[in-house]
Amino acid sequence: MSKAIRIHETGGPEVLRWENADIRDPGAGEVLLQQTAVGLNFIDTYHRSGLYPVEALPSGIGMEGAGVVEKLGSDVAELRVGDRVAYAGGPIGSYAEQRTMPVSRLVKLPDSIEDSQAAALMLKGLTTQYLLRGCYPVKAGDTILIHAAAGGVGLMVCQWANYLGATVIGTVGSPEKAELAAAHGCHHTILYREENFAERVRELTDGVGVPVVYDSVGRDTFDGSLDCLRPLGLMVTFGQSSGSVPPVAVHELTAHGSLFLTRPTLATYTATREQLDANAGELFDVVGKGVVKVKINQTYPLERAEQAHRDLEGRKTTGATVLDV
């Protein structure tokens, strides 16, 4: 019997249950995957806690994984049994030994990328791609601000933006994380517990501010992030690890200099097969060139997902974390 992590109620990490799971045969346009590795992401904690409601309970959990095609449904011509694939985004339920997935959400893995690397790469990497290439096309000479620079997305942003010729300012929570971010291309690190990051950004930019802020922290950093932007700057809020951002008075954007605000999602930026293939292709290209290196700093057995969630929310993890199947 195949097993999976499921939730029957929302709450803390203790609601994650390791239990038997019935896996249906693939239908038209679907395949059955034998999963090999699963990525751990902050959005998983939002689904578990109820911050982002799932469709119905009980429910699987998890948005990213890699595996091998085990069985084909009807009308599947793009893949063969034995193909290595990976995915990021819905449908929810990657914390599983096996699962049935729509072919439209899968990408074939090149030989240069291992399964565990792919599981750590897809969601964070495709997020990094749309942040730097979609929301605001970063170019040489830009100075950008990334919060949580030592996190999974943060480290990828530092590397990729550095490759594009940008100067990267990153906020971090400890000297150790500052060293990690710097080693991945972050030019200026700010210890947000010891410094006023908005004031420091203004100092680093000679009072001008930055054209874009990438903020996955949310409530604790939102107002300060607006203070970091130059006129006509873009505020990209793509997560809320410290809690939801309170309602925003639109006139605040005027007061800060005719700012722009966006709340993007991966689903929007990979909505079509063409978008998914193009974005994944660009991601695989920079990884293949060694521009973006994915270091898996923590690994847990899938059945120990509860501990992985506790460590993630307790800020005990850095970079990428993988759940081994």
Foldseek 3Di string as FASTA:
>chain_A
DWWFWWAQDAQALVRTAIGDDDADQEAAQKFKWQFFWAWDDPVQNCCRNVVPDDPDPGDAAGFWTKGFTQGDHPPDDPDDGGFIKIFGGDDGHPRIRMYMDGPLGIDTDDPVADRHRRNQCHHLLLVLLCVCPNPDVQAAPFEEEEEQLQAANNLQNQLVNVVRRYAYEYEDQDPVSVVNSVVSRHNHYDNVVVDLVLVVLCVVVVNQAGQEYEAAQAQVCVVSNLSRHHAQHEYEHAHHLPDHHPDDDVCVCVVSHVYHYDHDDSCVQPVGSVSVVVSVVVSVVCVVVVSGDADAPEEAASSVVSVVSVCVSVVNDGHIYMHGD
